[in-house]
Protein backbone atom coordinates (compact mmCIF):
# COMPACT_ATOMS: atom_id res chain seq x y z
CA UNK A 1 5.55 -23.46 -47.71
CA UNK A 2 6.52 -24.43 -44.13
CA UNK A 3 10.13 -25.69 -43.73
CA UNK A 4 10.75 -28.13 -41.03
CA UNK A 5 14.23 -27.82 -39.39
CA UNK A 6 16.63 -30.55 -38.62
CA UNK A 7 18.10 -30.65 -34.97
CA UNK A 8 21.42 -29.42 -36.58
CA UNK A 9 19.54 -26.40 -38.33
CA UNK A 10 17.71 -25.58 -35.03
CA UNK A 11 21.18 -25.42 -33.33
CA UNK A 12 22.27 -22.94 -35.96
CA UNK A 13 19.18 -20.97 -35.33
CA UNK A 14 20.07 -20.93 -31.68
CA UNK A 15 23.27 -19.44 -32.44
CA UNK A 16 21.78 -16.59 -34.46
CA UNK A 17 19.15 -15.91 -31.77
CA UNK A 18 21.63 -16.03 -28.90
CA UNK A 19 23.63 -13.27 -30.82
CA UNK A 20 20.36 -11.26 -30.87
CA UNK A 21 19.76 -11.99 -27.17
CA UNK A 22 23.26 -10.61 -26.37
CA UNK A 23 22.68 -7.51 -28.57
CA UNK A 24 19.64 -6.78 -26.56
CA UNK A 25 21.57 -7.22 -23.40
CA UNK A 26 23.96 -4.42 -24.77
CA UNK A 27 20.87 -2.25 -25.44
CA UNK A 28 19.89 -2.82 -21.66
CA UNK A 29 23.25 -1.16 -20.72
CA UNK A 30 22.60 2.02 -22.63
CA UNK A 31 18.91 2.79 -22.86
CA UNK A 32 18.70 6.02 -20.85
CA UNK A 33 17.35 9.47 -20.94
CA UNK A 34 19.26 11.74 -23.42
CA UNK A 35 20.18 8.68 -25.61
CA UNK A 36 19.24 8.87 -29.35
CA UNK A 37 17.84 5.79 -30.96
CA UNK A 38 20.47 6.16 -33.65
CA UNK A 39 23.04 5.56 -31.01
CA UNK A 40 21.29 2.39 -30.13
CA UNK A 41 21.33 1.32 -33.74
CA UNK A 42 25.11 2.06 -33.96
CA UNK A 43 25.83 0.09 -30.80
CA UNK A 44 23.79 -2.85 -31.91
CA UNK A 45 25.21 -2.92 -35.44
CA UNK A 46 28.78 -3.06 -34.15
CA UNK A 47 28.07 -5.72 -31.56
CA UNK A 48 26.31 -7.95 -34.11
CA UNK A 49 29.18 -7.61 -36.41
CA UNK A 50 31.83 -8.13 -33.78
CA UNK A 51 30.22 -11.44 -33.05
CA UNK A 52 30.64 -12.66 -36.62
CA UNK A 53 27.07 -12.04 -37.84
CA UNK A 54 25.47 -9.30 -39.89
CA UNK A 55 22.47 -7.32 -39.07
CA UNK A 56 19.42 -9.25 -40.43
CA UNK A 57 17.20 -6.16 -40.64
CA UNK A 58 19.59 -3.93 -42.64
CA UNK A 59 18.44 -3.72 -46.25
CA UNK A 60 15.56 -6.20 -45.67
CA UNK A 61 13.00 -5.08 -48.08
CA UNK A 62 14.79 -1.74 -48.16
CA UNK A 63 14.73 -1.20 -44.26
CA UNK A 64 17.49 1.34 -43.86
CA UNK A 65 18.84 0.44 -40.31
CA UNK A 66 20.13 -2.51 -38.30
CA UNK A 67 17.42 -2.46 -35.51
CA UNK A 68 13.78 -1.23 -35.09
CA UNK A 69 13.28 1.39 -32.21
CA UNK A 70 9.70 2.06 -31.48
CA UNK A 71 8.94 4.66 -28.86
CA UNK A 72 5.84 5.11 -26.87
CA UNK A 73 2.91 5.00 -29.21
CA UNK A 74 4.92 3.57 -32.14
CA UNK A 75 4.05 -0.13 -32.35
CA UNK A 76 6.80 -1.62 -34.51
CA UNK A 77 9.30 -0.90 -37.16
CA UNK A 78 10.37 2.57 -35.98
CA UNK A 79 13.47 3.77 -37.71
CA UNK A 80 16.39 4.86 -35.51
CA UNK A 81 17.29 8.65 -35.82
CA UNK A 82 19.56 11.16 -34.28
CA UNK A 83 16.35 13.27 -34.02
CA UNK A 84 14.68 10.78 -31.75
CA UNK A 85 16.07 11.46 -28.09
CA UNK A 86 14.88 9.11 -25.32
CA UNK A 87 13.41 10.93 -22.30
CA UNK A 88 12.45 10.05 -18.82
CA UNK A 89 9.33 8.06 -18.82
CA UNK A 90 9.51 6.78 -22.25
CA UNK A 91 9.34 3.16 -23.41
CA UNK A 92 11.32 1.90 -26.40
CA UNK A 93 10.71 -1.39 -28.15
CA UNK A 94 14.07 -2.73 -29.67
CA UNK A 95 13.52 -5.32 -32.29
CA UNK A 96 16.70 -6.93 -33.36
CA UNK A 97 17.74 -9.58 -36.02
CA UNK A 98 21.14 -11.22 -36.74
CA UNK A 99 22.13 -13.52 -39.67
CA UNK A 100 24.95 -16.02 -39.40
CA UNK A 101 25.60 -19.52 -40.75
CA UNK A 102 22.73 -19.17 -43.15
CA UNK A 103 19.94 -18.52 -40.50
CA UNK A 104 18.28 -15.55 -38.95
CA UNK A 105 17.74 -14.72 -35.36
CA UNK A 106 14.90 -12.35 -34.32
CA UNK A 107 13.67 -11.15 -30.95
CA UNK A 108 12.44 -7.89 -29.27
CA UNK A 109 12.11 -6.34 -25.84
CA UNK A 110 10.35 -3.14 -24.68
CA UNK A 111 12.65 -1.19 -22.29
CA UNK A 112 11.66 1.48 -19.72
CA UNK A 113 13.54 4.75 -20.01
CA UNK A 114 14.20 5.71 -16.53
CA UNK A 115 11.07 5.61 -14.34
CA UNK A 116 7.84 5.15 -16.23
CA UNK A 117 4.20 5.55 -15.07
CA UNK A 118 2.87 2.38 -13.17
CA UNK A 119 0.02 1.90 -15.77
CA UNK A 120 2.66 1.73 -18.52
CA UNK A 121 4.84 -0.63 -16.68
CA UNK A 122 1.75 -2.79 -16.08
CA UNK A 123 1.28 -2.75 -19.93
CA UNK A 124 4.79 -4.05 -20.49
CA UNK A 125 4.51 -6.73 -17.80
CA UNK A 126 1.27 -7.93 -19.25
CA UNK A 127 2.62 -7.93 -22.83
CA UNK A 128 5.64 -9.98 -21.69
CA UNK A 129 3.51 -12.37 -19.61
CA UNK A 130 1.28 -13.00 -22.69
CA UNK A 131 4.28 -13.83 -24.85
CA UNK A 132 4.88 -16.80 -22.44
CA UNK A 133 1.30 -17.82 -22.39
CA UNK A 134 1.54 -18.12 -26.22
CA UNK A 135 4.73 -20.12 -25.85
CA UNK A 136 3.00 -22.59 -23.58
CA UNK A 137 0.74 -23.47 -26.50
CA UNK A 138 3.77 -23.75 -29.02
CA UNK A 139 4.09 -27.54 -29.01
CA UNK A 140 3.54 -30.43 -31.39
CA UNK A 141 -0.12 -31.16 -31.87
CA UNK A 142 -1.47 -27.74 -30.91
CA UNK A 143 -2.52 -25.23 -33.59
CA UNK A 144 -1.65 -21.74 -34.46
CA UNK A 145 -5.01 -20.53 -33.13
CA UNK A 146 -4.13 -21.96 -29.73
CA UNK A 147 -1.06 -19.52 -29.52
CA UNK A 148 -3.16 -16.53 -30.61
CA UNK A 149 -5.97 -17.31 -28.25
CA UNK A 150 -3.77 -17.68 -25.44
CA UNK A 151 -2.17 -14.13 -26.06
CA UNK A 152 -5.36 -12.31 -26.85
CA UNK A 153 -7.36 -13.88 -23.92
CA UNK A 154 -4.58 -13.06 -21.52
CA UNK A 155 -4.43 -9.47 -22.64
CA UNK A 156 -7.99 -8.60 -23.14
CA UNK A 157 -9.15 -9.72 -19.90
CA UNK A 158 -6.75 -7.20 -18.43
CA UNK A 159 -8.25 -4.46 -20.42
CA UNK A 160 -5.74 -4.16 -23.24
CA UNK A 161 -6.05 -4.50 -27.05
CA UNK A 162 -4.24 -6.89 -29.38
CA UNK A 163 -2.85 -5.36 -32.67
CA UNK A 164 -4.18 -7.28 -35.66
CA UNK A 165 -2.37 -5.98 -38.68
CA UNK A 166 1.20 -7.01 -37.46
CA UNK A 167 1.82 -10.47 -36.50
CA UNK A 168 4.42 -13.30 -35.82
CA UNK A 169 6.03 -15.48 -38.38
CA UNK A 170 8.22 -18.47 -39.22
CA UNK A 171 12.04 -18.12 -39.05
CA UNK A 172 14.83 -19.93 -40.71
CA UNK A 173 16.90 -19.06 -43.73
CA UNK A 174 14.57 -16.22 -44.46
CA UNK A 175 13.58 -13.73 -41.85
CA UNK A 176 9.91 -14.16 -42.50
CA UNK A 177 8.66 -17.60 -43.39
CA UNK A 178 5.49 -19.44 -43.29
CA UNK A 179 3.41 -19.81 -41.11
CA UNK A 180 1.94 -16.52 -40.06
CA UNK A 181 1.47 -16.43 -36.22
CA UNK A 182 -1.27 -13.96 -35.12
CA UNK A 183 -1.63 -12.69 -31.56
CA UNK A 184 -5.35 -13.46 -31.75
CA UNK A 185 -7.43 -16.55 -32.63
CA UNK A 186 -9.56 -19.50 -31.70
CA UNK A 187 -8.56 -22.53 -29.93
CA UNK A 188 -8.24 -25.47 -32.14
CA UNK A 189 -8.00 -23.41 -35.47
CA UNK A 190 -5.24 -22.88 -37.85
CA UNK A 191 -2.29 -24.83 -38.95
CA UNK A 192 -1.27 -27.93 -36.93
CA UNK A 193 1.99 -27.29 -35.14
CA UNK A 194 4.79 -30.01 -35.91
CA UNK A 195 8.24 -30.57 -34.46
CA UNK A 196 10.91 -28.87 -36.54
CA UNK A 197 8.89 -25.79 -37.04
CA UNK A 198 10.55 -22.44 -35.88
CA UNK A 199 8.25 -19.48 -35.29
CA UNK A 200 8.46 -16.06 -33.73
CA UNK A 201 5.71 -15.26 -31.24
CA UNK A 202 5.56 -11.38 -30.70
CA UNK A 203 2.65 -9.92 -28.95
CA UNK A 204 2.00 -6.31 -29.82
CA UNK A 205 -0.37 -4.89 -27.23
CA UNK A 206 -1.93 -1.54 -26.80
CA UNK A 207 -3.06 0.28 -23.66
CA UNK A 208 -5.80 1.88 -25.73
CA UNK A 209 -7.69 0.66 -28.85
CA UNK A 210 -6.00 -1.83 -31.37
CA UNK A 211 -6.09 0.19 -34.39
CA UNK A 212 -2.86 1.53 -35.93
CA UNK A 213 -1.65 3.56 -38.86
CA UNK A 214 1.68 3.78 -40.98
CA UNK A 215 3.77 6.78 -41.00
CA UNK A 216 4.96 8.60 -44.01
CA UNK A 217 8.20 6.63 -44.07
CA UNK A 218 6.38 3.53 -44.97
CA UNK A 219 7.63 1.58 -42.02
CA UNK A 220 6.70 3.07 -38.66
CA UNK A 221 3.45 2.13 -37.30
CA UNK A 222 1.69 4.11 -34.57
CA UNK A 223 -1.43 3.52 -32.51
CA UNK A 224 -4.31 5.47 -33.85
CA UNK A 225 -5.37 6.97 -30.53
CA UNK A 226 -1.63 7.92 -29.74
CA UNK A 227 -1.69 5.82 -26.58
CA UNK A 228 1.41 3.53 -25.62
CA UNK A 229 1.97 0.17 -27.05
CA UNK A 230 4.49 -2.70 -25.93
CA UNK A 231 6.17 -5.54 -28.11
CA UNK A 232 8.07 -8.57 -26.90
CA UNK A 233 9.39 -11.38 -29.04
CA UNK A 234 10.90 -14.71 -28.92
CA UNK A 235 11.93 -17.28 -31.37
CA UNK A 236 10.86 -20.86 -30.50
CA UNK A 237 11.34 -24.22 -31.91
CA UNK A 238 8.23 -26.57 -31.81
CA UNK A 239 8.88 -29.80 -29.85
CA UNK A 240 6.84 -32.49 -28.23
CA UNK A 241 5.56 -31.42 -24.96
CA UNK A 242 7.29 -27.97 -24.62
CA UNK A 243 8.55 -25.33 -26.89
CA UNK A 244 12.32 -24.73 -27.14
CA UNK A 245 13.01 -21.05 -26.66
CA UNK A 246 16.01 -20.17 -28.93
CA UNK A 247 16.22 -16.46 -28.07
CA UNK A 248 16.70 -15.20 -24.46
CA UNK A 249 15.98 -12.26 -22.19
CA UNK A 250 18.62 -13.40 -19.71
CA UNK A 251 21.22 -10.92 -20.74
CA UNK A 252 18.83 -8.17 -20.44
CA UNK A 253 17.76 -9.43 -16.91
CA UNK A 254 21.40 -9.67 -15.84
CA UNK A 255 21.94 -5.90 -16.63
CA UNK A 256 18.69 -4.63 -15.30
CA UNK A 257 18.25 -6.82 -12.28
CA UNK A 258 15.27 -5.85 -10.25
CA UNK A 259 14.30 -3.16 -12.74
CA UNK A 260 13.62 -5.70 -15.56
CA UNK A 261 10.09 -6.21 -16.55
């Protein structure tokens, strides 16, 4: 069932998503060679709680940490660990959720660790750009397939592949609500978008083939060919004419400046 949100509920969702945005800004300050993904988790957990929220991911369906940290060929849902030490040339997707006032926030950004290869940076840039191509279609009267087509067409024309098994979703009082939001599709197909819907659009794009597999931990997904993947996510409210982006990358960009993707 799809829950349409009132203007007041959307503003509460904006609060949740802005906490996530600021948390990702804190991640931008500390992602560096030699840092463990567990340290990222510790800083994120403390920052979310210091801002009056609770980590939305912690305990969700049994997930053991407050953020997801997916490194290089890991696609999504990587579990932070003291054993995972970031090194020069890595990329790490940080997916973050915060819960406050009865509503969830959810956003993700893939960070470069030091200097990365140009072809990897191009993957990240294309994935981020495809997110905004999808957001352009997220308006009243369009359909879910219009979003997926925009992402898929943009990435595949540039030689990348689109993950099929993991997709975006509705967002509200629950972390995952209807409708499902694939990053592939056909124009004019799927559920009609209506004002008041809030969805997460989150392209997961691979430099190699699209296929993935689950690690033994039951959460972490990796590309089957072990080639790098990128992941960017925004929460948006459907409006007439133009989507209302509830999350933000501005805090990341303030930290990284010209080094931001």
